[in-house]
Each structure stands twice: as structure tokens, then as C-alpha cells.
Amino acid sequence: LLMQQDPSISLELPLRISVWEDADGKVWIGSPNLETIASEYGMENSGVIEKMQEAVTNIESKSIAGSR
């Protein structure tokens, strides 16, 4: 749906999540802020973006909870 609105958003897809361990053994997780990306493409009020951000946040929180 996003690419139908603006095909150039395909440069941001697929979504990526990065997980790494620092020198102290602490695990970090990071991902792009989809609301920021949406604003760059004029899609601030897209329900799709909000659902995607929610999914990424859920994956990150489950990963953090699972590492404890």
C-alpha cells in the first residue's frame, strides 16, 4: 500500500532491525523510526505506517524481554 502511494518509499523497504552486543556484553536493538520516514514521504497520517511501527515495537520489546 505504501508503494502505491509513493513508489520511492521502496528505498526504505524491507524494514530492518539491528541487534548487536557491545564490549561489555550488553545487547542492543535498534530500528528506524517509521514516523520519521513517513513524514519524509508525506505519509504522516497513514494507518499502515502506524501498524508497521507497532509491529516493530512489539518485536523489539519481545526481544528485550526474552534476553533477560
PDB file of N, CA and C in Angstrom:
ATOM      1  N   LEU A   1       0.813  -1.203   0.000  1.00  0.00           N
ATOM      2  CA  LEU A   1       0.000   0.000   0.000  1.00  0.00           C
ATOM      3  C   LEU A   1       0.855   1.264   0.000  1.00  0.00           C
ATOM      4  N   LEU A   2       1.954   1.224   0.745  1.00  0.00           N
ATOM      5  CA  LEU A   2       2.807   2.409   0.808  1.00  0.00           C
ATOM      6  C   LEU A   2       3.402   2.733  -0.552  1.00  0.00           C
ATOM      7  N   MET A   3       3.845   1.706  -1.265  1.00  0.00           N
ATOM      8  CA  MET A   3       4.466   1.935  -2.565  1.00  0.00           C
ATOM      9  C   MET A   3       3.441   2.386  -3.599  1.00  0.00           C
ATOM     10  N   GLN A   4       2.169   2.081  -3.371  1.00  0.00           N
ATOM     11  CA  GLN A   4       1.139   2.599  -4.265  1.00  0.00           C
ATOM     12  C   GLN A   4       0.968   4.096  -4.043  1.00  0.00           C
ATOM     13  N   GLN A   5       1.140   4.547  -2.802  1.00  0.00           N
ATOM     14  CA  GLN A   5       1.052   5.976  -2.503  1.00  0.00           C
ATOM     15  C   GLN A   5       2.262   6.727  -3.040  1.00  0.00           C
ATOM     16  N   ASP A   6       3.459   6.145  -2.863  1.00  0.00           N
ATOM     17  CA  ASP A   6       4.696   6.791  -3.314  1.00  0.00           C
ATOM     18  C   ASP A   6       5.740   5.707  -3.561  1.00  0.00           C
ATOM     19  N   PRO A   7       5.947   5.327  -4.810  1.00  0.00           N
ATOM     20  CA  PRO A   7       6.883   4.247  -5.121  1.00  0.00           C
ATOM     21  C   PRO A   7       8.299   4.463  -4.585  1.00  0.00           C
ATOM     22  N   SER A   8       8.707   5.699  -4.364  1.00  0.00           N
ATOM     23  CA  SER A   8      10.073   5.947  -3.888  1.00  0.00           C
ATOM     24  C   SER A   8      10.292   5.473  -2.456  1.00  0.00           C
ATOM     25  N   ILE A   9       9.221   5.201  -1.706  1.00  0.00           N
ATOM     26  CA  ILE A   9       9.399   4.684  -0.342  1.00  0.00           C
ATOM     27  C   ILE A   9      10.009   3.279  -0.360  1.00  0.00           C
ATOM     28  N   SER A  10      10.009   2.657  -1.529  1.00  0.00           N
ATOM     29  CA  SER A  10      10.629   1.329  -1.642  1.00  0.00           C
ATOM     30  C   SER A  10      12.113   1.370  -1.285  1.00  0.00           C
ATOM     31  N   LEU A  11      12.715   2.563  -1.312  1.00  0.00           N
ATOM     32  CA  LEU A  11      14.112   2.697  -0.903  1.00  0.00           C
ATOM     33  C   LEU A  11      14.298   2.391   0.576  1.00  0.00           C
ATOM     34  N   GLU A  12      13.221   2.485   1.354  1.00  0.00           N
ATOM     35  CA  GLU A  12      13.271   2.244   2.795  1.00  0.00           C
ATOM     36  C   GLU A  12      12.891   0.806   3.163  1.00  0.00           C
ATOM     37  N   LEU A  13      12.436   0.040   2.192  1.00  0.00           N
ATOM     38  CA  LEU A  13      11.918  -1.300   2.460  1.00  0.00           C
ATOM     39  C   LEU A  13      12.870  -2.345   1.911  1.00  0.00           C
ATOM     40  N   PRO A  14      12.952  -3.515   2.488  1.00  0.00           N
ATOM     41  CA  PRO A  14      12.196  -4.001   3.642  1.00  0.00           C
ATOM     42  C   PRO A  14      12.713  -3.352   4.930  1.00  0.00           C
ATOM     43  N   LEU A  15      11.884  -3.386   5.928  1.00  0.00           N
ATOM     44  CA  LEU A  15      12.269  -2.842   7.230  1.00  0.00           C
ATOM     45  C   LEU A  15      13.428  -3.635   7.802  1.00  0.00           C
ATOM     46  N   ARG A  16      14.273  -2.950   8.550  1.00  0.00           N
ATOM     47  CA  ARG A  16      15.433  -3.608   9.146  1.00  0.00           C
ATOM     48  C   ARG A  16      15.461  -3.345  10.645  1.00  0.00           C
ATOM     49  N   ILE A  17      15.879  -4.367  11.363  1.00  0.00           N
ATOM     50  CA  ILE A  17      16.102  -4.248  12.799  1.00  0.00           C
ATOM     51  C   ILE A  17      17.520  -4.738  13.043  1.00  0.00           C
ATOM     52  N   SER A  18      18.277  -3.971  13.792  1.00  0.00           N
ATOM     53  CA  SER A  18      19.660  -4.323  14.072  1.00  0.00           C
ATOM     54  C   SER A  18      19.795  -4.746  15.540  1.00  0.00           C
ATOM     55  N   VAL A  19      20.518  -5.823  15.762  1.00  0.00           N
ATOM     56  CA  VAL A  19      20.788  -6.312  17.116  1.00  0.00           C
ATOM     57  C   VAL A  19      22.297  -6.492  17.230  1.00  0.00           C
ATOM     58  N   TRP A  20      22.879  -5.957  18.317  1.00  0.00           N
ATOM     59  CA  TRP A  20      24.321  -6.092  18.499  1.00  0.00           C
ATOM     60  C   TRP A  20      24.674  -6.154  19.975  1.00  0.00           C
ATOM     61  N   GLU A  21      25.842  -6.668  20.227  1.00  0.00           N
ATOM     62  CA  GLU A  21      26.359  -6.778  21.592  1.00  0.00           C
ATOM     63  C   GLU A  21      27.581  -5.879  21.708  1.00  0.00           C
ATOM     64  N   ASP A  22      27.625  -5.071  22.774  1.00  0.00           N
ATOM     65  CA  ASP A  22      28.770  -4.184  22.947  1.00  0.00           C
ATOM     66  C   ASP A  22      29.898  -4.895  23.694  1.00  0.00           C
ATOM     67  N   ALA A  23      30.982  -4.203  23.904  1.00  0.00           N
ATOM     68  CA  ALA A  23      32.167  -4.786  24.534  1.00  0.00           C
ATOM     69  C   ALA A  23      31.912  -5.249  25.960  1.00  0.00           C
ATOM     70  N   ASP A  24      30.888  -4.685  26.608  1.00  0.00           N
ATOM     71  CA  ASP A  24      30.547  -5.078  27.977  1.00  0.00           C
ATOM     72  C   ASP A  24      29.554  -6.225  28.030  1.00  0.00           C
ATOM     73  N   GLY A  25      29.162  -6.738  26.863  1.00  0.00           N
ATOM     74  CA  GLY A  25      28.226  -7.852  26.815  1.00  0.00           C
ATOM     75  C   GLY A  25      26.761  -7.442  26.829  1.00  0.00           C
ATOM     76  N   LYS A  26      26.496  -6.151  26.777  1.00  0.00           N
ATOM     77  CA  LYS A  26      25.108  -5.683  26.757  1.00  0.00           C
ATOM     78  C   LYS A  26      24.576  -5.760  25.325  1.00  0.00           C
ATOM     79  N   VAL A  27      23.362  -6.271  25.198  1.00  0.00           N
ATOM     80  CA  VAL A  27      22.745  -6.413  23.884  1.00  0.00           C
ATOM     81  C   VAL A  27      21.851  -5.205  23.608  1.00  0.00           C
ATOM     82  N   TRP A  28      21.968  -4.681  22.410  1.00  0.00           N
ATOM     83  CA  TRP A  28      21.210  -3.511  21.979  1.00  0.00           C
ATOM     84  C   TRP A  28      20.362  -3.890  20.775  1.00  0.00           C
ATOM     85  N   ILE A  29      19.242  -3.200  20.610  1.00  0.00           N
ATOM     86  CA  ILE A  29      18.382  -3.408  19.451  1.00  0.00           C
ATOM     87  C   ILE A  29      17.970  -2.043  18.929  1.00  0.00           C
ATOM     88  N   GLY A  30      17.963  -1.887  17.632  1.00  0.00           N
ATOM     89  CA  GLY A  30      17.601  -0.603  17.051  1.00  0.00           C
ATOM     90  C   GLY A  30      16.889  -0.776  15.729  1.00  0.00           C
ATOM     91  N   SER A  31      16.097   0.213  15.398  1.00  0.00           N
ATOM     92  CA  SER A  31      15.376   0.221  14.130  1.00  0.00           C
ATOM     93  C   SER A  31      15.068   1.666  13.760  1.00  0.00           C
ATOM     94  N   PRO A  32      14.783   1.893  12.486  1.00  0.00           N
ATOM     95  CA  PRO A  32      14.435   3.260  12.096  1.00  0.00           C
ATOM     96  C   PRO A  32      13.080   3.659  12.679  1.00  0.00           C
ATOM     97  N   ASN A  33      12.901   4.937  12.894  1.00  0.00           N
ATOM     98  CA  ASN A  33      11.612   5.441  13.348  1.00  0.00           C
ATOM     99  C   ASN A  33      10.724   5.625  12.125  1.00  0.00           C
ATOM    100  N   LEU A  34       9.686   4.830  12.049  1.00  0.00           N
ATOM    101  CA  LEU A  34       8.846   4.844  10.863  1.00  0.00           C
ATOM    102  C   LEU A  34       8.035   6.124  10.719  1.00  0.00           C
ATOM    103  N   GLU A  35       7.722   6.779  11.838  1.00  0.00           N
ATOM    104  CA  GLU A  35       7.008   8.047  11.728  1.00  0.00           C
ATOM    105  C   GLU A  35       7.882   9.110  11.052  1.00  0.00           C
ATOM    106  N   THR A  36       9.182   9.071  11.334  1.00  0.00           N
ATOM    107  CA  THR A  36      10.107   9.998  10.684  1.00  0.00           C
ATOM    108  C   THR A  36      10.178   9.714   9.187  1.00  0.00           C
ATOM    109  N   ILE A  37      10.289   8.443   8.841  1.00  0.00           N
ATOM    110  CA  ILE A  37      10.320   8.061   7.427  1.00  0.00           C
ATOM    111  C   ILE A  37       9.023   8.482   6.744  1.00  0.00           C
ATOM    112  N   ALA A  38       7.890   8.245   7.410  1.00  0.00           N
ATOM    113  CA  ALA A  38       6.589   8.607   6.837  1.00  0.00           C
ATOM    114  C   ALA A  38       6.521  10.102   6.548  1.00  0.00           C
ATOM    115  N   SER A  39       7.031  10.916   7.464  1.00  0.00           N
ATOM    116  CA  SER A  39       6.971  12.363   7.248  1.00  0.00           C
ATOM    117  C   SER A  39       7.840  12.786   6.072  1.00  0.00           C
ATOM    118  N   GLU A  40       8.950  12.076   5.850  1.00  0.00           N
ATOM    119  CA  GLU A  40       9.819  12.395   4.712  1.00  0.00           C
ATOM    120  C   GLU A  40       9.123  12.138   3.379  1.00  0.00           C
ATOM    121  N   TYR A  41       8.145  11.221   3.383  1.00  0.00           N
ATOM    122  CA  TYR A  41       7.418  10.871   2.169  1.00  0.00           C
ATOM    123  C   TYR A  41       5.993  11.425   2.165  1.00  0.00           C
ATOM    124  N   GLY A  42       5.670  12.289   3.120  1.00  0.00           N
ATOM    125  CA  GLY A  42       4.353  12.895   3.166  1.00  0.00           C
ATOM    126  C   GLY A  42       3.241  11.922   3.521  1.00  0.00           C
ATOM    127  N   MET A  43       3.551  10.925   4.346  1.00  0.00           N
ATOM    128  CA  MET A  43       2.574   9.897   4.714  1.00  0.00           C
ATOM    129  C   MET A  43       2.307   9.892   6.213  1.00  0.00           C
ATOM    130  N   GLU A  44       2.301  11.066   6.824  1.00  0.00           N
ATOM    131  CA  GLU A  44       2.180  11.169   8.278  1.00  0.00           C
ATOM    132  C   GLU A  44       0.921  10.515   8.835  1.00  0.00           C
ATOM    133  N   ASN A  45      -0.170  10.576   8.125  1.00  0.00           N
ATOM    134  CA  ASN A  45      -1.437  10.071   8.642  1.00  0.00           C
ATOM    135  C   ASN A  45      -1.806   8.708   8.079  1.00  0.00           C
ATOM    136  N   SER A  46      -0.820   7.953   7.682  1.00  0.00           N
ATOM    137  CA  SER A  46      -1.066   6.632   7.115  1.00  0.00           C
ATOM    138  C   SER A  46      -1.240   5.602   8.226  1.00  0.00           C
ATOM    139  N   GLY A  47      -2.375   4.949   8.255  1.00  0.00           N
ATOM    140  CA  GLY A  47      -2.606   3.885   9.228  1.00  0.00           C
ATOM    141  C   GLY A  47      -1.634   2.729   9.049  1.00  0.00           C
ATOM    142  N   VAL A  48      -1.158   2.550   7.832  1.00  0.00           N
ATOM    143  CA  VAL A  48      -0.205   1.475   7.552  1.00  0.00           C
ATOM    144  C   VAL A  48       1.092   1.713   8.321  1.00  0.00           C
ATOM    145  N   ILE A  49       1.587   2.945   8.292  1.00  0.00           N
ATOM    146  CA  ILE A  49       2.827   3.284   8.998  1.00  0.00           C
ATOM    147  C   ILE A  49       2.661   3.027  10.493  1.00  0.00           C
ATOM    148  N   GLU A  50       1.541   3.439  11.046  1.00  0.00           N
ATOM    149  CA  GLU A  50       1.303   3.238  12.482  1.00  0.00           C
ATOM    150  C   GLU A  50       1.292   1.757  12.836  1.00  0.00           C
ATOM    151  N   LYS A  51       0.682   0.937  12.000  1.00  0.00           N
ATOM    152  CA  LYS A  51       0.654  -0.515  12.252  1.00  0.00           C
ATOM    153  C   LYS A  51       2.050  -1.114  12.128  1.00  0.00           C
ATOM    154  N   MET A  52       2.819  -0.630  11.157  1.00  0.00           N
ATOM    155  CA  MET A  52       4.188  -1.131  10.990  1.00  0.00           C
ATOM    156  C   MET A  52       5.041  -0.753  12.197  1.00  0.00           C
ATOM    157  N   GLN A  53       4.922   0.484  12.684  1.00  0.00           N
ATOM    158  CA  GLN A  53       5.695   0.913  13.848  1.00  0.00           C
ATOM    159  C   GLN A  53       5.305   0.084  15.065  1.00  0.00           C
ATOM    160  N   GLU A  54       4.019  -0.182  15.224  1.00  0.00           N
ATOM    161  CA  GLU A  54       3.560  -1.000  16.341  1.00  0.00           C
ATOM    162  C   GLU A  54       4.152  -2.405  16.266  1.00  0.00           C
ATOM    163  N   ALA A  55       4.198  -2.985  15.077  1.00  0.00           N
ATOM    164  CA  ALA A  55       4.767  -4.322  14.910  1.00  0.00           C
ATOM    165  C   ALA A  55       6.256  -4.339  15.252  1.00  0.00           C
ATOM    166  N   VAL A  56       6.997  -3.349  14.778  1.00  0.00           N
ATOM    167  CA  VAL A  56       8.434  -3.269  15.071  1.00  0.00           C
ATOM    168  C   VAL A  56       8.656  -3.099  16.566  1.00  0.00           C
ATOM    169  N   THR A  57       7.879  -2.234  17.199  1.00  0.00           N
ATOM    170  CA  THR A  57       8.000  -2.009  18.641  1.00  0.00           C
ATOM    171  C   THR A  57       7.703  -3.296  19.409  1.00  0.00           C
ATOM    172  N   ASN A  58       6.691  -4.051  18.988  1.00  0.00           N
ATOM    173  CA  ASN A  58       6.370  -5.323  19.638  1.00  0.00           C
ATOM    174  C   ASN A  58       7.509  -6.327  19.494  1.00  0.00           C
ATOM    175  N   ILE A  59       8.092  -6.400  18.312  1.00  0.00           N
ATOM    176  CA  ILE A  59       9.223  -7.321  18.095  1.00  0.00           C
ATOM    177  C   ILE A  59      10.388  -6.921  18.998  1.00  0.00           C
ATOM    178  N   GLU A  60      10.679  -5.642  19.070  1.00  0.00           N
ATOM    179  CA  GLU A  60      11.783  -5.173  19.895  1.00  0.00           C
ATOM    180  C   GLU A  60      11.515  -5.458  21.376  1.00  0.00           C
ATOM    181  N   SER A  61      10.319  -5.198  21.841  1.00  0.00           N
ATOM    182  CA  SER A  61      10.028  -5.415  23.273  1.00  0.00           C
ATOM    183  C   SER A  61      10.062  -6.899  23.612  1.00  0.00           C
ATOM    184  N   LYS A  62       9.612  -7.757  22.723  1.00  0.00           N
ATOM    185  CA  LYS A  62       9.670  -9.202  22.975  1.00  0.00           C
ATOM    186  C   LYS A  62      11.116  -9.685  22.967  1.00  0.00           C
ATOM    187  N   SER A  63      11.928  -9.110  22.097  1.00  0.00           N
ATOM    188  CA  SER A  63      13.336  -9.494  22.057  1.00  0.00           C
ATOM    189  C   SER A  63      14.057  -9.074  23.309  1.00  0.00           C
ATOM    190  N   ILE A  64      13.748  -7.885  23.805  1.00  0.00           N
ATOM    191  CA  ILE A  64      14.375  -7.403  25.038  1.00  0.00           C
ATOM    192  C   ILE A  64      13.926  -8.239  26.212  1.00  0.00           C
ATOM    193  N   ALA A  65      12.634  -8.546  26.291  1.00  0.00           N
ATOM    194  CA  ALA A  65      12.110  -9.355  27.403  1.00  0.00           C
ATOM    195  C   ALA A  65      12.692 -10.769  27.363  1.00  0.00           C
ATOM    196  N   GLY A  66      12.901 -11.303  26.169  1.00  0.00           N
ATOM    197  CA  GLY A  66      13.444 -12.651  26.032  1.00  0.00           C
ATOM    198  C   GLY A  66      14.909 -12.749  26.386  1.00  0.00           C
ATOM    199  N   SER A  67      15.616 -11.611  26.370  1.00  0.00           N
ATOM    200  CA  SER A  67      17.052 -11.649  26.659  1.00  0.00           C
ATOM    201  C   SER A  67      17.345 -11.503  28.136  1.00  0.00           C
ATOM    202  N   ARG A  68      16.324 -11.296  28.952  1.00  0.00           N
ATOM    203  CA  ARG A  68      16.542 -11.120  30.402  1.00  0.00           C
ATOM    204  C   ARG A  68      16.591 -12.424  31.114  1.00  0.00           C
TER     205      ARG A  68
END
